[in-house]
């Protein structure tokens, strides 16, 4: 090889090294840990559907080399190889993908398996969004980790401005007591720390089980009947009138039943902390606005 080509290759290598050094990245994750990368992540594994979706939102979906089951949005996510489920990881499959960054769900992924990955020297960014501000911060952090800062800022601004608009438009609306059902048998709901509770508050809805100790408490029907909510909401996987919604018709003593305030919302819009949380909140606000109309008509 000629001296000219040797110098050319050396210059190219130095330029690459310089760009990596200039791109030195440091972010703090949901666990309060500092994540340091010498250059933007190129081979990423996502261990939760919401993380997969958020990467696509900021334009970094093509960096994904592996994800987990139920990562079904956007459609392109269906083509990404699976490395287990969110609660049971395929460690060998993960290692085979040679990731330079793993995105993990702090409260959802198995802690022991994540620790094994860390012990092997893999870099892990922990995610645990509980409110809209957390989602926006996650966009910005993922933007830094992938050098997609501008796209991340656009996503964060869209969410922030959309929620601000909903808060302003509902500021003078009458508050409504709401029961949100996430499961039927056993009967389960959410407490005030859950993202869905913030969605309800945005629309002037009051979660009747906000004071519960656990994030997703089990409750008995007696306590629900005693609370007598004005609205009953719950998740649906596409059915316009899911079975659990029909079952509440038997409890005619409830205000929500008397006024016809039984509503279903697309589960993926409200349970996944993504940009689509805005659409989920808009859907909840629409249901609560309808509930106010029906309560007013029932009172006349």
C-alpha atoms as a PDB file:
ATOM      1  CA  UNK A   1       0.000   0.000   0.000  1.00  0.00           C
ATOM      2  CA  UNK A   2       1.353   3.434  -0.944  1.00  0.00           C
ATOM      3  CA  UNK A   3       2.282   6.075   1.613  1.00  0.00           C
ATOM      4  CA  UNK A   4      -0.529   8.229   0.228  1.00  0.00           C
ATOM      5  CA  UNK A   5      -3.202   5.649   1.042  1.00  0.00           C
ATOM      6  CA  UNK A   6      -1.720   4.974   4.468  1.00  0.00           C
ATOM      7  CA  UNK A   7      -1.929   8.675   5.271  1.00  0.00           C
ATOM      8  CA  UNK A   8      -5.484   8.799   3.913  1.00  0.00           C
ATOM      9  CA  UNK A   9      -6.604   5.885   6.100  1.00  0.00           C
ATOM     10  CA  UNK A  10      -4.868   7.357   9.138  1.00  0.00           C
ATOM     11  CA  UNK A  11      -6.590  10.703   8.569  1.00  0.00           C
ATOM     12  CA  UNK A  12      -9.975   8.991   8.196  1.00  0.00           C
ATOM     13  CA  UNK A  13      -9.426   7.070  11.435  1.00  0.00           C
ATOM     14  CA  UNK A  14      -8.390  10.240  13.276  1.00  0.00           C
ATOM     15  CA  UNK A  15     -11.458  12.077  11.985  1.00  0.00           C
ATOM     16  CA  UNK A  16     -13.698   9.226  13.132  1.00  0.00           C
ATOM     17  CA  UNK A  17     -12.049   9.160  16.540  1.00  0.00           C
ATOM     18  CA  UNK A  18     -12.376  12.930  16.814  1.00  0.00           C
ATOM     19  CA  UNK A  19     -16.074  12.807  15.977  1.00  0.00           C
ATOM     20  CA  UNK A  20     -16.620  10.143  18.643  1.00  0.00           C
ATOM     21  CA  UNK A  21     -14.712  12.162  21.217  1.00  0.00           C
ATOM     22  CA  UNK A  22     -16.613  15.324  20.311  1.00  0.00           C
ATOM     23  CA  UNK A  23     -19.859  13.410  20.702  1.00  0.00           C
ATOM     24  CA  UNK A  24     -19.012  12.370  24.278  1.00  0.00           C
ATOM     25  CA  UNK A  25     -22.463  11.805  25.819  1.00  0.00           C
ATOM     26  CA  UNK A  26     -23.621  11.735  29.421  1.00  0.00           C
ATOM     27  CA  UNK A  27     -27.243  11.504  30.606  1.00  0.00           C
ATOM     28  CA  UNK A  28     -28.990  10.618  33.856  1.00  0.00           C
ATOM     29  CA  UNK A  29     -31.610   7.863  33.772  1.00  0.00           C
ATOM     30  CA  UNK A  30     -34.737   7.253  35.872  1.00  0.00           C
ATOM     31  CA  UNK A  31     -32.698   5.373  38.473  1.00  0.00           C
ATOM     32  CA  UNK A  32     -30.504   8.440  38.982  1.00  0.00           C
ATOM     33  CA  UNK A  33     -27.526   6.738  37.347  1.00  0.00           C
ATOM     34  CA  UNK A  34     -25.163   8.525  34.993  1.00  0.00           C
ATOM     35  CA  UNK A  35     -24.922   6.846  31.580  1.00  0.00           C
ATOM     36  CA  UNK A  36     -21.792   7.673  29.586  1.00  0.00           C
ATOM     37  CA  UNK A  37     -21.282   6.918  25.895  1.00  0.00           C
ATOM     38  CA  UNK A  38     -18.216   7.855  23.868  1.00  0.00           C
ATOM     39  CA  UNK A  39     -20.332   8.064  20.718  1.00  0.00           C
ATOM     40  CA  UNK A  40     -24.057   7.837  19.834  1.00  0.00           C
ATOM     41  CA  UNK A  41     -25.596   4.393  20.307  1.00  0.00           C
ATOM     42  CA  UNK A  42     -25.842   2.428  17.066  1.00  0.00           C
ATOM     43  CA  UNK A  43     -26.959  -1.028  18.241  1.00  0.00           C
ATOM     44  CA  UNK A  44     -29.797  -0.679  20.736  1.00  0.00           C
ATOM     45  CA  UNK A  45     -31.968  -3.240  22.468  1.00  0.00           C
ATOM     46  CA  UNK A  46     -35.281  -2.099  23.944  1.00  0.00           C
ATOM     47  CA  UNK A  47     -36.788  -4.170  26.757  1.00  0.00           C
ATOM     48  CA  UNK A  48     -40.254  -2.572  26.823  1.00  0.00           C
ATOM     49  CA  UNK A  49     -42.858  -1.623  24.175  1.00  0.00           C
ATOM     50  CA  UNK A  50     -42.927   2.029  25.259  1.00  0.00           C
ATOM     51  CA  UNK A  51     -39.161   2.350  24.822  1.00  0.00           C
ATOM     52  CA  UNK A  52     -39.357   0.833  21.354  1.00  0.00           C
ATOM     53  CA  UNK A  53     -42.083   3.300  20.408  1.00  0.00           C
ATOM     54  CA  UNK A  54     -40.196   6.272  21.858  1.00  0.00           C
ATOM     55  CA  UNK A  55     -37.102   5.433  19.824  1.00  0.00           C
ATOM     56  CA  UNK A  56     -39.166   5.414  16.634  1.00  0.00           C
ATOM     57  CA  UNK A  57     -40.776   8.708  17.659  1.00  0.00           C
ATOM     58  CA  UNK A  58     -37.404  10.477  17.761  1.00  0.00           C
ATOM     59  CA  UNK A  59     -36.276   8.901  14.480  1.00  0.00           C
ATOM     60  CA  UNK A  60     -33.919   6.292  15.968  1.00  0.00           C
ATOM     61  CA  UNK A  61     -35.979   3.160  15.344  1.00  0.00           C
ATOM     62  CA  UNK A  62     -33.459   1.960  12.782  1.00  0.00           C
ATOM     63  CA  UNK A  63     -30.892   1.613  15.586  1.00  0.00           C
ATOM     64  CA  UNK A  64     -32.888  -1.207  17.204  1.00  0.00           C
ATOM     65  CA  UNK A  65     -31.354  -4.666  16.865  1.00  0.00           C
ATOM     66  CA  UNK A  66     -33.686  -6.340  19.360  1.00  0.00           C
ATOM     67  CA  UNK A  67     -36.810  -5.818  21.426  1.00  0.00           C
ATOM     68  CA  UNK A  68     -39.410  -7.750  23.437  1.00  0.00           C
ATOM     69  CA  UNK A  69     -42.870  -9.170  22.800  1.00  0.00           C
ATOM     70  CA  UNK A  70     -45.792  -6.723  22.486  1.00  0.00           C
ATOM     71  CA  UNK A  71     -43.548  -4.118  20.857  1.00  0.00           C
ATOM     72  CA  UNK A  72     -46.122  -3.628  18.126  1.00  0.00           C
ATOM     73  CA  UNK A  73     -46.097   0.106  17.407  1.00  0.00           C
ATOM     74  CA  UNK A  74     -45.309   1.537  14.956  1.00  0.00           C
ATOM     75  CA  UNK A  75     -45.780  -1.202  12.381  1.00  0.00           C
ATOM     76  CA  UNK A  76     -42.041  -1.227  11.624  1.00  0.00           C
ATOM     77  CA  UNK A  77     -41.427  -2.453  15.190  1.00  0.00           C
ATOM     78  CA  UNK A  78     -42.946  -5.816  14.256  1.00  0.00           C
ATOM     79  CA  UNK A  79     -39.891  -6.570  12.108  1.00  0.00           C
ATOM     80  CA  UNK A  80     -37.382  -6.201  14.961  1.00  0.00           C
ATOM     81  CA  UNK A  81     -36.014  -9.519  16.342  1.00  0.00           C
ATOM     82  CA  UNK A  82     -37.380 -10.529  19.756  1.00  0.00           C
ATOM     83  CA  UNK A  83     -35.117 -11.185  22.745  1.00  0.00           C
ATOM     84  CA  UNK A  84     -37.763 -12.446  25.159  1.00  0.00           C
ATOM     85  CA  UNK A  85     -40.643 -10.746  26.924  1.00  0.00           C
ATOM     86  CA  UNK A  86     -40.490  -7.755  29.246  1.00  0.00           C
ATOM     87  CA  UNK A  87     -40.539 -10.047  32.300  1.00  0.00           C
ATOM     88  CA  UNK A  88     -38.351 -12.883  30.980  1.00  0.00           C
ATOM     89  CA  UNK A  89     -35.312 -11.935  28.947  1.00  0.00           C
ATOM     90  CA  UNK A  90     -33.292 -14.110  26.587  1.00  0.00           C
ATOM     91  CA  UNK A  91     -29.820 -13.199  27.852  1.00  0.00           C
ATOM     92  CA  UNK A  92     -28.003 -15.238  25.213  1.00  0.00           C
ATOM     93  CA  UNK A  93     -30.094 -13.622  22.499  1.00  0.00           C
ATOM     94  CA  UNK A  94     -29.290 -10.171  23.875  1.00  0.00           C
ATOM     95  CA  UNK A  95     -25.540 -10.849  23.990  1.00  0.00           C
ATOM     96  CA  UNK A  96     -25.618 -12.246  20.450  1.00  0.00           C
ATOM     97  CA  UNK A  97     -26.916  -8.880  19.191  1.00  0.00           C
ATOM     98  CA  UNK A  98     -23.783  -7.097  20.502  1.00  0.00           C
ATOM     99  CA  UNK A  99     -25.691  -4.018  21.748  1.00  0.00           C
ATOM    100  CA  UNK A 100     -23.855  -0.852  22.691  1.00  0.00           C
ATOM    101  CA  UNK A 101     -26.910   0.290  24.707  1.00  0.00           C
ATOM    102  CA  UNK A 102     -29.827  -1.433  26.424  1.00  0.00           C
ATOM    103  CA  UNK A 103     -33.004   0.453  27.284  1.00  0.00           C
ATOM    104  CA  UNK A 104     -34.661  -1.164  30.327  1.00  0.00           C
ATOM    105  CA  UNK A 105     -37.965  -0.720  32.157  1.00  0.00           C
ATOM    106  CA  UNK A 106     -37.000  -0.286  35.793  1.00  0.00           C
ATOM    107  CA  UNK A 107     -40.167  -1.651  37.425  1.00  0.00           C
ATOM    108  CA  UNK A 108     -41.093  -4.086  34.651  1.00  0.00           C
ATOM    109  CA  UNK A 109     -37.948  -5.995  33.662  1.00  0.00           C
ATOM    110  CA  UNK A 110     -36.479  -8.679  35.964  1.00  0.00           C
ATOM    111  CA  UNK A 111     -33.881  -6.956  38.153  1.00  0.00           C
ATOM    112  CA  UNK A 112     -31.691 -10.064  38.507  1.00  0.00           C
ATOM    113  CA  UNK A 113     -31.337 -10.448  34.739  1.00  0.00           C
ATOM    114  CA  UNK A 114     -30.579  -6.754  34.271  1.00  0.00           C
ATOM    115  CA  UNK A 115     -27.877  -7.028  36.929  1.00  0.00           C
ATOM    116  CA  UNK A 116     -26.297  -9.951  35.077  1.00  0.00           C
ATOM    117  CA  UNK A 117     -26.173  -7.840  31.919  1.00  0.00           C
ATOM    118  CA  UNK A 118     -24.559  -4.983  33.826  1.00  0.00           C
ATOM    119  CA  UNK A 119     -22.041  -7.373  35.383  1.00  0.00           C
ATOM    120  CA  UNK A 120     -21.046  -8.338  31.834  1.00  0.00           C
ATOM    121  CA  UNK A 121     -20.254  -4.699  31.115  1.00  0.00           C
ATOM    122  CA  UNK A 122     -23.303  -3.772  29.050  1.00  0.00           C
ATOM    123  CA  UNK A 123     -24.593  -0.206  29.358  1.00  0.00           C
ATOM    124  CA  UNK A 124     -28.187   0.080  30.553  1.00  0.00           C
ATOM    125  CA  UNK A 125     -30.454   3.130  30.547  1.00  0.00           C
ATOM    126  CA  UNK A 126     -33.346   2.724  33.006  1.00  0.00           C
ATOM    127  CA  UNK A 127     -36.784   4.113  32.141  1.00  0.00           C
ATOM    128  CA  UNK A 128     -39.672   4.706  34.564  1.00  0.00           C
ATOM    129  CA  UNK A 129     -41.983   7.502  33.312  1.00  0.00           C
ATOM    130  CA  UNK A 130     -44.793   8.233  35.767  1.00  0.00           C
ATOM    131  CA  UNK A 131     -46.007  11.550  34.347  1.00  0.00           C
ATOM    132  CA  UNK A 132     -45.912  13.732  31.237  1.00  0.00           C
ATOM    133  CA  UNK A 133     -42.757  15.557  32.364  1.00  0.00           C
ATOM    134  CA  UNK A 134     -40.975  12.205  32.722  1.00  0.00           C
ATOM    135  CA  UNK A 135     -41.952  11.249  29.160  1.00  0.00           C
ATOM    136  CA  UNK A 136     -40.608  14.540  27.789  1.00  0.00           C
ATOM    137  CA  UNK A 137     -37.362  14.134  29.722  1.00  0.00           C
ATOM    138  CA  UNK A 138     -37.014  10.614  28.354  1.00  0.00           C
ATOM    139  CA  UNK A 139     -37.391  11.876  24.782  1.00  0.00           C
ATOM    140  CA  UNK A 140     -34.562  14.349  25.379  1.00  0.00           C
ATOM    141  CA  UNK A 141     -32.312  11.746  27.024  1.00  0.00           C
ATOM    142  CA  UNK A 142     -32.879   9.263  24.194  1.00  0.00           C
ATOM    143  CA  UNK A 143     -32.202  12.078  21.750  1.00  0.00           C
ATOM    144  CA  UNK A 144     -28.801  12.661  23.348  1.00  0.00           C
ATOM    145  CA  UNK A 145     -27.955   8.953  23.435  1.00  0.00           C
ATOM    146  CA  UNK A 146     -28.699   8.598  19.717  1.00  0.00           C
ATOM    147  CA  UNK A 147     -27.729  12.103  18.561  1.00  0.00           C
ATOM    148  CA  UNK A 148     -31.339  12.734  17.531  1.00  0.00           C
ATOM    149  CA  UNK A 149     -31.654  15.851  19.662  1.00  0.00           C
ATOM    150  CA  UNK A 150     -33.774  17.928  17.295  1.00  0.00           C
ATOM    151  CA  UNK A 151     -36.344  15.179  16.703  1.00  0.00           C
ATOM    152  CA  UNK A 152     -36.478  14.540  20.460  1.00  0.00           C
ATOM    153  CA  UNK A 153     -37.134  18.218  21.168  1.00  0.00           C
ATOM    154  CA  UNK A 154     -39.958  18.253  18.619  1.00  0.00           C
ATOM    155  CA  UNK A 155     -41.594  15.228  20.295  1.00  0.00           C
ATOM    156  CA  UNK A 156     -41.208  16.708  23.792  1.00  0.00           C
ATOM    157  CA  UNK A 157     -42.651  20.056  22.661  1.00  0.00           C
ATOM    158  CA  UNK A 158     -45.608  18.375  20.967  1.00  0.00           C
ATOM    159  CA  UNK A 159     -46.473  16.479  24.138  1.00  0.00           C
ATOM    160  CA  UNK A 160     -45.910  19.472  26.451  1.00  0.00           C
ATOM    161  CA  UNK A 161     -47.917  21.900  24.314  1.00  0.00           C
ATOM    162  CA  UNK A 162     -50.729  19.410  23.729  1.00  0.00           C
ATOM    163  CA  UNK A 163     -51.172  18.705  27.438  1.00  0.00           C
ATOM    164  CA  UNK A 164     -50.936  22.415  28.278  1.00  0.00           C
ATOM    165  CA  UNK A 165     -53.737  23.111  25.808  1.00  0.00           C
ATOM    166  CA  UNK A 166     -55.947  20.428  27.380  1.00  0.00           C
ATOM    167  CA  UNK A 167     -55.326  21.782  30.883  1.00  0.00           C
ATOM    168  CA  UNK A 168     -56.248  25.294  29.785  1.00  0.00           C
ATOM    169  CA  UNK A 169     -59.393  24.201  27.928  1.00  0.00           C
ATOM    170  CA  UNK A 170     -60.623  22.180  30.930  1.00  0.00           C
ATOM    171  CA  UNK A 171     -59.645  24.568  33.710  1.00  0.00           C
ATOM    172  CA  UNK A 172     -63.223  25.773  34.220  1.00  0.00           C
ATOM    173  CA  UNK A 173     -64.919  22.387  33.753  1.00  0.00           C
ATOM    174  CA  UNK A 174     -66.669  20.809  36.735  1.00  0.00           C
ATOM    175  CA  UNK A 175     -64.601  18.067  38.440  1.00  0.00           C
ATOM    176  CA  UNK A 176     -65.883  14.500  38.102  1.00  0.00           C
ATOM    177  CA  UNK A 177     -65.225  11.477  40.311  1.00  0.00           C
ATOM    178  CA  UNK A 178     -63.831   8.645  38.200  1.00  0.00           C
ATOM    179  CA  UNK A 179     -63.117   4.951  38.609  1.00  0.00           C
ATOM    180  CA  UNK A 180     -60.536   3.644  36.144  1.00  0.00           C
ATOM    181  CA  UNK A 181     -60.528  -0.131  35.702  1.00  0.00           C
ATOM    182  CA  UNK A 182     -57.402  -1.900  34.433  1.00  0.00           C
ATOM    183  CA  UNK A 183     -58.538  -5.475  35.178  1.00  0.00           C
ATOM    184  CA  UNK A 184     -61.791  -7.278  35.934  1.00  0.00           C
ATOM    185  CA  UNK A 185     -60.886 -10.450  37.833  1.00  0.00           C
ATOM    186  CA  UNK A 186     -59.444  -9.497  40.244  1.00  0.00           C
ATOM    187  CA  UNK A 187     -60.846  -5.979  40.080  1.00  0.00           C
ATOM    188  CA  UNK A 188     -57.891  -3.607  39.755  1.00  0.00           C
ATOM    189  CA  UNK A 189     -57.408   0.121  39.378  1.00  0.00           C
ATOM    190  CA  UNK A 190     -54.626   2.736  39.603  1.00  0.00           C
ATOM    191  CA  UNK A 191     -53.512   5.121  42.351  1.00  0.00           C
ATOM    192  CA  UNK A 192     -52.661   8.815  42.154  1.00  0.00           C
ATOM    193  CA  UNK A 193     -49.052   8.235  41.102  1.00  0.00           C
ATOM    194  CA  UNK A 194     -49.996   6.428  37.903  1.00  0.00           C
ATOM    195  CA  UNK A 195     -49.770   8.231  34.547  1.00  0.00           C
ATOM    196  CA  UNK A 196     -53.487   7.593  33.955  1.00  0.00           C
ATOM    197  CA  UNK A 197     -54.270   9.613  37.090  1.00  0.00           C
ATOM    198  CA  UNK A 198     -52.418  12.579  35.606  1.00  0.00           C
ATOM    199  CA  UNK A 199     -54.468  12.144  32.442  1.00  0.00           C
ATOM    200  CA  UNK A 200     -57.633  12.265  34.538  1.00  0.00           C
ATOM    201  CA  UNK A 201     -56.474  15.393  36.403  1.00  0.00           C
ATOM    202  CA  UNK A 202     -55.712  17.096  33.081  1.00  0.00           C
ATOM    203  CA  UNK A 203     -59.380  16.633  32.136  1.00  0.00           C
ATOM    204  CA  UNK A 204     -60.706  17.621  35.604  1.00  0.00           C
ATOM    205  CA  UNK A 205     -61.283  14.019  36.601  1.00  0.00           C
ATOM    206  CA  UNK A 206     -60.682  12.842  40.182  1.00  0.00           C
ATOM    207  CA  UNK A 207     -59.415   9.300  40.684  1.00  0.00           C
ATOM    208  CA  UNK A 208     -61.507   7.880  43.561  1.00  0.00           C
ATOM    209  CA  UNK A 209     -58.661   5.515  44.530  1.00  0.00           C
ATOM    210  CA  UNK A 210     -55.829   8.051  44.245  1.00  0.00           C
ATOM    211  CA  UNK A 211     -54.850   7.512  47.895  1.00  0.00           C
ATOM    212  CA  UNK A 212     -54.236   3.757  47.479  1.00  0.00           C
ATOM    213  CA  UNK A 213     -50.770   2.632  48.565  1.00  0.00           C
ATOM    214  CA  UNK A 214     -49.809   0.533  45.540  1.00  0.00           C
ATOM    215  CA  UNK A 215     -49.574   1.747  41.952  1.00  0.00           C
ATOM    216  CA  UNK A 216     -52.152  -0.808  40.713  1.00  0.00           C
ATOM    217  CA  UNK A 217     -54.230  -1.858  43.749  1.00  0.00           C
ATOM    218  CA  UNK A 218     -56.792  -4.629  43.932  1.00  0.00           C
ATOM    219  CA  UNK A 219     -60.132  -3.427  45.264  1.00  0.00           C
ATOM    220  CA  UNK A 220     -63.467  -4.954  46.211  1.00  0.00           C
ATOM    221  CA  UNK A 221     -66.759  -3.956  44.631  1.00  0.00           C
ATOM    222  CA  UNK A 222     -68.138  -2.836  47.989  1.00  0.00           C
ATOM    223  CA  UNK A 223     -65.599  -0.024  48.252  1.00  0.00           C
ATOM    224  CA  UNK A 224     -66.392   1.013  44.677  1.00  0.00           C
ATOM    225  CA  UNK A 225     -70.135   1.031  45.356  1.00  0.00           C
ATOM    226  CA  UNK A 226     -69.515   3.132  48.457  1.00  0.00           C
ATOM    227  CA  UNK A 227     -67.425   5.658  46.500  1.00  0.00           C
ATOM    228  CA  UNK A 228     -70.177   5.837  43.838  1.00  0.00           C
ATOM    229  CA  UNK A 229     -68.170   7.407  40.979  1.00  0.00           C
ATOM    230  CA  UNK A 230     -69.797   9.639  38.399  1.00  0.00           C
ATOM    231  CA  UNK A 231     -67.778   7.988  35.612  1.00  0.00           C
ATOM    232  CA  UNK A 232     -66.372   4.502  35.009  1.00  0.00           C
ATOM    233  CA  UNK A 233     -63.514   4.258  32.506  1.00  0.00           C
ATOM    234  CA  UNK A 234     -61.371   1.340  31.455  1.00  0.00           C
ATOM    235  CA  UNK A 235     -58.994   0.022  28.872  1.00  0.00           C
ATOM    236  CA  UNK A 236     -60.002  -1.789  25.705  1.00  0.00           C
ATOM    237  CA  UNK A 237     -58.054  -3.567  22.979  1.00  0.00           C
ATOM    238  CA  UNK A 238     -60.281  -2.293  20.213  1.00  0.00           C
ATOM    239  CA  UNK A 239     -63.764  -3.393  21.239  1.00  0.00           C
ATOM    240  CA  UNK A 240     -66.230  -0.515  21.201  1.00  0.00           C
ATOM    241  CA  UNK A 241     -68.250  -2.120  23.994  1.00  0.00           C
ATOM    242  CA  UNK A 242     -66.041  -4.625  25.870  1.00  0.00           C
ATOM    243  CA  UNK A 243     -67.562  -7.250  28.163  1.00  0.00           C
ATOM    244  CA  UNK A 244     -66.323  -5.615  31.368  1.00  0.00           C
ATOM    245  CA  UNK A 245     -68.198  -2.434  30.400  1.00  0.00           C
ATOM    246  CA  UNK A 246     -71.475  -4.330  29.964  1.00  0.00           C
ATOM    247  CA  UNK A 247     -71.073  -6.027  33.336  1.00  0.00           C
ATOM    248  CA  UNK A 248     -71.373  -2.715  35.191  1.00  0.00           C
ATOM    249  CA  UNK A 249     -74.937  -2.312  33.883  1.00  0.00           C
ATOM    250  CA  UNK A 250     -76.072  -4.651  36.672  1.00  0.00           C
ATOM    251  CA  UNK A 251     -75.164  -2.017  39.296  1.00  0.00           C
ATOM    252  CA  UNK A 252     -77.979   0.408  38.597  1.00  0.00           C
ATOM    253  CA  UNK A 253     -77.466   2.218  41.904  1.00  0.00           C
ATOM    254  CA  UNK A 254     -74.233   3.777  40.652  1.00  0.00           C
ATOM    255  CA  UNK A 255     -74.309   7.360  39.350  1.00  0.00           C
ATOM    256  CA  UNK A 256     -72.108   6.349  36.425  1.00  0.00           C
ATOM    257  CA  UNK A 257     -74.572   3.654  35.349  1.00  0.00           C
ATOM    258  CA  UNK A 258     -77.652   5.842  35.799  1.00  0.00           C
ATOM    259  CA  UNK A 259     -76.145   8.575  33.593  1.00  0.00           C
ATOM    260  CA  UNK A 260     -74.721   6.140  31.047  1.00  0.00           C
ATOM    261  CA  UNK A 261     -71.185   7.230  31.881  1.00  0.00           C
ATOM    262  CA  UNK A 262     -69.407   3.959  31.079  1.00  0.00           C
ATOM    263  CA  UNK A 263     -66.528   4.453  28.626  1.00  0.00           C
ATOM    264  CA  UNK A 264     -63.692   2.424  27.100  1.00  0.00           C
ATOM    265  CA  UNK A 265     -60.397   3.900  25.875  1.00  0.00           C
ATOM    266  CA  UNK A 266     -57.680   2.250  23.789  1.00  0.00           C
ATOM    267  CA  UNK A 267     -55.322   0.675  26.345  1.00  0.00           C
ATOM    268  CA  UNK A 268     -52.130   1.296  24.388  1.00  0.00           C
ATOM    269  CA  UNK A 269     -52.869   5.032  24.344  1.00  0.00           C
ATOM    270  CA  UNK A 270     -53.015   5.325  28.125  1.00  0.00           C
ATOM    271  CA  UNK A 271     -50.814   2.575  29.555  1.00  0.00           C
ATOM    272  CA  UNK A 272     -47.700   3.208  27.457  1.00  0.00           C
ATOM    273  CA  UNK A 273     -45.787   6.394  28.365  1.00  0.00           C
ATOM    274  CA  UNK A 274     -45.212   7.622  24.817  1.00  0.00           C
ATOM    275  CA  UNK A 275     -46.184  10.536  22.591  1.00  0.00           C
ATOM    276  CA  UNK A 276     -49.492   8.725  22.060  1.00  0.00           C
ATOM    277  CA  UNK A 277     -50.244   9.514  25.714  1.00  0.00           C
ATOM    278  CA  UNK A 278     -51.451  12.842  24.324  1.00  0.00           C
ATOM    279  CA  UNK A 279     -54.032  11.064  22.152  1.00  0.00           C
ATOM    280  CA  UNK A 280     -55.026   8.936  25.146  1.00  0.00           C
ATOM    281  CA  UNK A 281     -55.558  12.037  27.282  1.00  0.00           C
ATOM    282  CA  UNK A 282     -57.566  13.686  24.518  1.00  0.00           C
ATOM    283  CA  UNK A 283     -59.793  10.588  24.390  1.00  0.00           C
ATOM    284  CA  UNK A 284     -60.293  10.671  28.177  1.00  0.00           C
ATOM    285  CA  UNK A 285     -61.140  14.384  28.068  1.00  0.00           C
ATOM    286  CA  UNK A 286     -63.685  13.709  25.336  1.00  0.00           C
ATOM    287  CA  UNK A 287     -65.334  11.003  27.458  1.00  0.00           C
ATOM    288  CA  UNK A 288     -65.430  13.234  30.545  1.00  0.00           C
ATOM    289  CA  UNK A 289     -66.925  16.097  28.521  1.00  0.00           C
ATOM    290  CA  UNK A 290     -69.632  13.681  27.341  1.00  0.00           C
ATOM    291  CA  UNK A 291     -70.146  12.527  30.934  1.00  0.00           C
ATOM    292  CA  UNK A 292     -70.775  16.102  32.082  1.00  0.00           C
ATOM    293  CA  UNK A 293     -73.447  16.491  29.403  1.00  0.00           C
ATOM    294  CA  UNK A 294     -75.148  13.247  30.402  1.00  0.00           C
ATOM    295  CA  UNK A 295     -75.067  14.089  34.110  1.00  0.00           C
ATOM    296  CA  UNK A 296     -76.633  17.454  33.332  1.00  0.00           C
ATOM    297  CA  UNK A 297     -79.362  15.811  31.259  1.00  0.00           C
ATOM    298  CA  UNK A 298     -80.029  13.232  33.987  1.00  0.00           C
ATOM    299  CA  UNK A 299     -80.396  16.044  36.549  1.00  0.00           C
ATOM    300  CA  UNK A 300     -83.017  17.912  34.456  1.00  0.00           C
END
